[in-house]
């Protein structure tokens, strides 16, 4: 991953780099400003990882107090995500 932690060929920009492969490298020279949606997604991923690690009996630190976009809906979805993954395992 690049230093900023974002994948060069990220899923969120799949359509762009699939149709114009050089755009992936070109976009590296621009700052990633992010968005409210990206911040919420980052928080949701952190919460899902935590819940899944706990469900699998692994050590994990609860990120809830550091999440800026945390709400009950996110908590419910993360719980459902962990349950779904456990069913697959």
N, C-alpha and C. Protein backbone atom coordinates (compact mmCIF):
# COMPACT_ATOMS: atom_id res chain seq x y z
N UNK A 1 0.84 -1.18 0.00
CA UNK A 1 0.00 0.00 0.00
C UNK A 1 0.88 1.24 0.00
N UNK A 2 0.39 2.30 -0.61
CA UNK A 2 1.11 3.57 -0.57
C UNK A 2 1.19 4.08 0.86
N UNK A 3 2.06 5.05 1.11
CA UNK A 3 2.25 5.58 2.46
C UNK A 3 0.97 6.09 3.12
N UNK A 4 0.02 6.60 2.34
CA UNK A 4 -1.20 7.13 2.94
C UNK A 4 -2.18 6.02 3.33
N UNK A 5 -1.83 4.76 3.06
CA UNK A 5 -2.66 3.65 3.47
C UNK A 5 -3.76 3.31 2.49
N UNK A 6 -3.83 3.95 1.36
CA UNK A 6 -4.88 3.70 0.39
C UNK A 6 -4.30 2.90 -0.77
N UNK A 7 -5.01 1.87 -1.18
CA UNK A 7 -4.54 1.00 -2.25
C UNK A 7 -4.46 1.74 -3.58
N UNK A 8 -3.44 1.43 -4.34
CA UNK A 8 -3.28 2.04 -5.67
C UNK A 8 -4.47 1.69 -6.56
N UNK A 9 -4.87 0.44 -6.56
CA UNK A 9 -6.00 -0.02 -7.38
C UNK A 9 -7.18 -0.34 -6.46
N UNK A 10 -7.70 0.70 -5.82
CA UNK A 10 -8.77 0.50 -4.85
C UNK A 10 -10.08 0.14 -5.53
N UNK A 11 -10.91 -0.57 -4.80
CA UNK A 11 -12.22 -0.96 -5.31
C UNK A 11 -13.10 0.27 -5.57
N UNK A 12 -12.94 1.30 -4.76
CA UNK A 12 -13.78 2.48 -4.91
C UNK A 12 -13.51 3.24 -6.21
N UNK A 13 -12.35 3.04 -6.80
CA UNK A 13 -12.05 3.71 -8.07
C UNK A 13 -11.89 2.71 -9.21
N UNK A 14 -12.43 1.51 -9.03
CA UNK A 14 -12.32 0.44 -10.01
C UNK A 14 -12.75 0.87 -11.40
N UNK A 15 -13.90 1.50 -11.52
CA UNK A 15 -14.41 1.88 -12.84
C UNK A 15 -13.43 2.80 -13.56
N UNK A 16 -12.87 3.75 -12.82
CA UNK A 16 -11.94 4.69 -13.44
C UNK A 16 -10.68 4.00 -13.93
N UNK A 17 -10.00 3.24 -13.06
CA UNK A 17 -8.72 2.67 -13.48
C UNK A 17 -8.87 1.49 -14.42
N UNK A 18 -10.04 0.86 -14.43
CA UNK A 18 -10.27 -0.21 -15.41
C UNK A 18 -10.41 0.36 -16.82
N UNK A 19 -11.07 1.50 -16.92
CA UNK A 19 -11.27 2.12 -18.22
C UNK A 19 -10.10 3.01 -18.64
N UNK A 20 -9.29 3.41 -17.69
CA UNK A 20 -8.13 4.25 -17.99
C UNK A 20 -6.99 3.87 -17.04
N UNK A 21 -6.30 2.76 -17.32
CA UNK A 21 -5.26 2.27 -16.40
C UNK A 21 -4.23 3.31 -15.96
N UNK A 22 -3.77 4.21 -16.86
CA UNK A 22 -2.78 5.19 -16.39
C UNK A 22 -3.30 6.15 -15.32
N UNK A 23 -4.62 6.24 -15.18
CA UNK A 23 -5.17 7.16 -14.19
C UNK A 23 -4.79 6.76 -12.77
N UNK A 24 -4.54 5.47 -12.54
CA UNK A 24 -4.18 5.02 -11.19
C UNK A 24 -2.89 5.69 -10.74
N UNK A 25 -1.89 5.71 -11.58
CA UNK A 25 -0.62 6.36 -11.23
C UNK A 25 -0.75 7.88 -11.23
N UNK A 26 -1.52 8.41 -12.16
CA UNK A 26 -1.69 9.86 -12.23
C UNK A 26 -2.31 10.39 -10.94
N UNK A 27 -3.27 9.67 -10.39
CA UNK A 27 -3.96 10.12 -9.19
C UNK A 27 -3.08 10.08 -7.94
N UNK A 28 -1.96 9.37 -8.01
CA UNK A 28 -1.05 9.34 -6.86
C UNK A 28 -0.48 10.73 -6.55
N UNK A 29 -0.42 11.58 -7.55
CA UNK A 29 0.18 12.90 -7.35
C UNK A 29 -0.81 13.90 -6.73
N UNK A 30 -2.05 13.49 -6.50
CA UNK A 30 -3.05 14.37 -5.91
C UNK A 30 -3.35 13.92 -4.48
N UNK A 31 -3.59 14.87 -3.63
CA UNK A 31 -3.92 14.55 -2.24
C UNK A 31 -5.28 13.88 -2.17
N UNK A 32 -5.40 12.87 -1.31
CA UNK A 32 -6.66 12.18 -1.09
C UNK A 32 -7.42 12.96 -0.04
N UNK A 33 -8.40 13.74 -0.46
CA UNK A 33 -9.13 14.61 0.45
C UNK A 33 -10.17 13.86 1.26
N UNK A 34 -10.57 12.69 0.80
CA UNK A 34 -11.56 11.91 1.53
C UNK A 34 -12.93 12.55 1.47
N UNK A 35 -13.86 11.96 2.17
CA UNK A 35 -15.24 12.47 2.24
C UNK A 35 -15.88 11.94 3.51
N UNK A 36 -17.06 12.45 3.81
CA UNK A 36 -17.79 11.95 4.97
C UNK A 36 -18.10 10.46 4.81
N UNK A 37 -18.41 10.07 3.58
CA UNK A 37 -18.72 8.67 3.30
C UNK A 37 -17.50 7.78 3.52
N UNK A 38 -16.35 8.26 3.09
CA UNK A 38 -15.12 7.49 3.28
C UNK A 38 -14.79 7.36 4.77
N UNK A 39 -14.99 8.44 5.52
CA UNK A 39 -14.73 8.40 6.97
C UNK A 39 -15.67 7.42 7.66
N UNK A 40 -16.93 7.42 7.24
CA UNK A 40 -17.89 6.48 7.82
C UNK A 40 -17.51 5.04 7.47
N UNK A 41 -17.08 4.81 6.22
CA UNK A 41 -16.66 3.48 5.80
C UNK A 41 -15.45 3.00 6.57
N UNK A 42 -14.51 3.89 6.81
CA UNK A 42 -13.31 3.53 7.58
C UNK A 42 -13.69 3.13 9.01
N UNK A 43 -14.59 3.90 9.62
CA UNK A 43 -15.06 3.56 10.96
C UNK A 43 -15.80 2.22 10.96
N UNK A 44 -16.64 2.00 9.96
CA UNK A 44 -17.39 0.75 9.88
C UNK A 44 -16.45 -0.45 9.73
N UNK A 45 -15.43 -0.30 8.92
CA UNK A 45 -14.45 -1.38 8.74
C UNK A 45 -13.73 -1.69 10.06
N UNK A 46 -13.36 -0.66 10.77
CA UNK A 46 -12.67 -0.87 12.05
C UNK A 46 -13.58 -1.60 13.04
N UNK A 47 -14.84 -1.20 13.08
CA UNK A 47 -15.79 -1.84 13.99
C UNK A 47 -16.05 -3.29 13.58
N UNK A 48 -16.20 -3.54 12.30
CA UNK A 48 -16.41 -4.90 11.81
C UNK A 48 -15.22 -5.79 12.15
N UNK A 49 -14.03 -5.28 11.95
CA UNK A 49 -12.83 -6.05 12.28
C UNK A 49 -12.81 -6.39 13.76
N UNK A 50 -13.11 -5.43 14.60
CA UNK A 50 -13.14 -5.66 16.04
C UNK A 50 -14.15 -6.75 16.40
N UNK A 51 -15.37 -6.61 15.89
CA UNK A 51 -16.41 -7.57 16.25
C UNK A 51 -16.08 -8.97 15.74
N UNK A 52 -15.49 -9.06 14.58
CA UNK A 52 -15.13 -10.36 14.04
C UNK A 52 -13.99 -10.98 14.84
N UNK A 53 -12.99 -10.20 15.17
CA UNK A 53 -11.88 -10.72 15.99
C UNK A 53 -12.39 -11.23 17.34
N UNK A 54 -13.27 -10.48 17.98
CA UNK A 54 -13.83 -10.90 19.27
C UNK A 54 -14.63 -12.19 19.10
N UNK A 55 -15.42 -12.28 18.04
CA UNK A 55 -16.24 -13.47 17.80
C UNK A 55 -15.37 -14.70 17.54
N UNK A 56 -14.19 -14.50 17.00
CA UNK A 56 -13.28 -15.60 16.72
C UNK A 56 -12.37 -15.91 17.92
N UNK A 57 -12.56 -15.18 19.02
CA UNK A 57 -11.77 -15.41 20.22
C UNK A 57 -10.38 -14.81 20.17
N UNK A 58 -10.18 -13.85 19.30
CA UNK A 58 -8.88 -13.19 19.18
C UNK A 58 -8.86 -11.93 20.05
N UNK A 59 -7.67 -11.51 20.43
CA UNK A 59 -7.53 -10.25 21.16
C UNK A 59 -7.86 -9.10 20.22
N UNK A 60 -8.58 -8.13 20.75
CA UNK A 60 -8.94 -6.96 19.95
C UNK A 60 -9.27 -5.81 20.88
N UNK A 61 -8.90 -4.62 20.46
CA UNK A 61 -9.19 -3.42 21.24
C UNK A 61 -10.44 -2.76 20.67
N UNK A 62 -11.40 -2.48 21.53
CA UNK A 62 -12.66 -1.87 21.11
C UNK A 62 -12.40 -0.46 20.57
N UNK A 63 -12.70 -0.21 19.29
CA UNK A 63 -12.42 1.10 18.69
C UNK A 63 -13.54 2.11 18.88
N UNK A 64 -14.64 1.70 19.49
CA UNK A 64 -15.86 2.52 19.53
C UNK A 64 -15.62 3.95 19.99
N UNK A 65 -14.86 4.15 21.05
CA UNK A 65 -14.69 5.51 21.57
C UNK A 65 -13.90 6.41 20.63
N UNK A 66 -13.17 5.83 19.68
CA UNK A 66 -12.38 6.62 18.73
C UNK A 66 -13.07 6.79 17.38
N UNK A 67 -14.26 6.22 17.23
CA UNK A 67 -14.97 6.31 15.95
C UNK A 67 -15.78 7.60 15.91
N UNK A 68 -15.57 8.40 14.89
CA UNK A 68 -16.27 9.69 14.80
C UNK A 68 -17.66 9.56 14.19
N UNK A 69 -17.90 8.48 13.45
CA UNK A 69 -19.19 8.30 12.76
C UNK A 69 -20.02 7.16 13.35
N UNK A 70 -19.64 6.68 14.52
CA UNK A 70 -20.32 5.54 15.14
C UNK A 70 -21.78 5.88 15.46
N UNK A 71 -22.68 4.93 15.16
CA UNK A 71 -24.08 5.05 15.55
C UNK A 71 -24.66 3.64 15.70
N UNK A 72 -25.89 3.56 16.14
CA UNK A 72 -26.52 2.26 16.41
C UNK A 72 -26.64 1.43 15.13
N UNK A 73 -26.94 2.07 14.02
CA UNK A 73 -27.07 1.35 12.75
C UNK A 73 -25.75 0.68 12.37
N UNK A 74 -24.65 1.41 12.54
CA UNK A 74 -23.34 0.86 12.24
C UNK A 74 -23.05 -0.33 13.15
N UNK A 75 -23.39 -0.18 14.42
CA UNK A 75 -23.17 -1.26 15.38
C UNK A 75 -23.97 -2.50 14.99
N UNK A 76 -25.23 -2.32 14.62
CA UNK A 76 -26.07 -3.44 14.20
C UNK A 76 -25.53 -4.12 12.95
N UNK A 77 -25.10 -3.32 11.99
CA UNK A 77 -24.56 -3.88 10.75
C UNK A 77 -23.26 -4.65 11.01
N UNK A 78 -22.42 -4.11 11.87
CA UNK A 78 -21.15 -4.78 12.19
C UNK A 78 -21.41 -6.10 12.91
N UNK A 79 -22.41 -6.13 13.78
CA UNK A 79 -22.78 -7.37 14.47
C UNK A 79 -23.29 -8.39 13.46
N UNK A 80 -24.12 -7.95 12.54
CA UNK A 80 -24.63 -8.84 11.49
C UNK A 80 -23.52 -9.35 10.58
N UNK A 81 -22.58 -8.49 10.27
CA UNK A 81 -21.42 -8.88 9.45
C UNK A 81 -20.63 -9.98 10.13
N UNK A 82 -20.32 -9.80 11.40
CA UNK A 82 -19.55 -10.81 12.15
C UNK A 82 -20.32 -12.13 12.21
N UNK A 83 -21.63 -12.08 12.41
CA UNK A 83 -22.44 -13.29 12.46
C UNK A 83 -22.42 -14.01 11.11
N UNK A 84 -22.51 -13.24 10.04
CA UNK A 84 -22.50 -13.82 8.69
C UNK A 84 -21.16 -14.51 8.41
N UNK A 85 -20.07 -13.87 8.74
CA UNK A 85 -18.75 -14.46 8.52
C UNK A 85 -18.58 -15.73 9.35
N UNK A 86 -19.08 -15.73 10.58
CA UNK A 86 -19.01 -16.93 11.42
C UNK A 86 -19.80 -18.08 10.79
N UNK A 87 -20.93 -17.78 10.16
CA UNK A 87 -21.70 -18.81 9.46
C UNK A 87 -20.87 -19.41 8.32
N UNK A 88 -20.13 -18.58 7.62
CA UNK A 88 -19.32 -19.05 6.51
C UNK A 88 -18.15 -19.91 6.99
N UNK A 89 -17.62 -19.54 8.15
CA UNK A 89 -16.46 -20.26 8.70
C UNK A 89 -16.96 -21.59 9.24
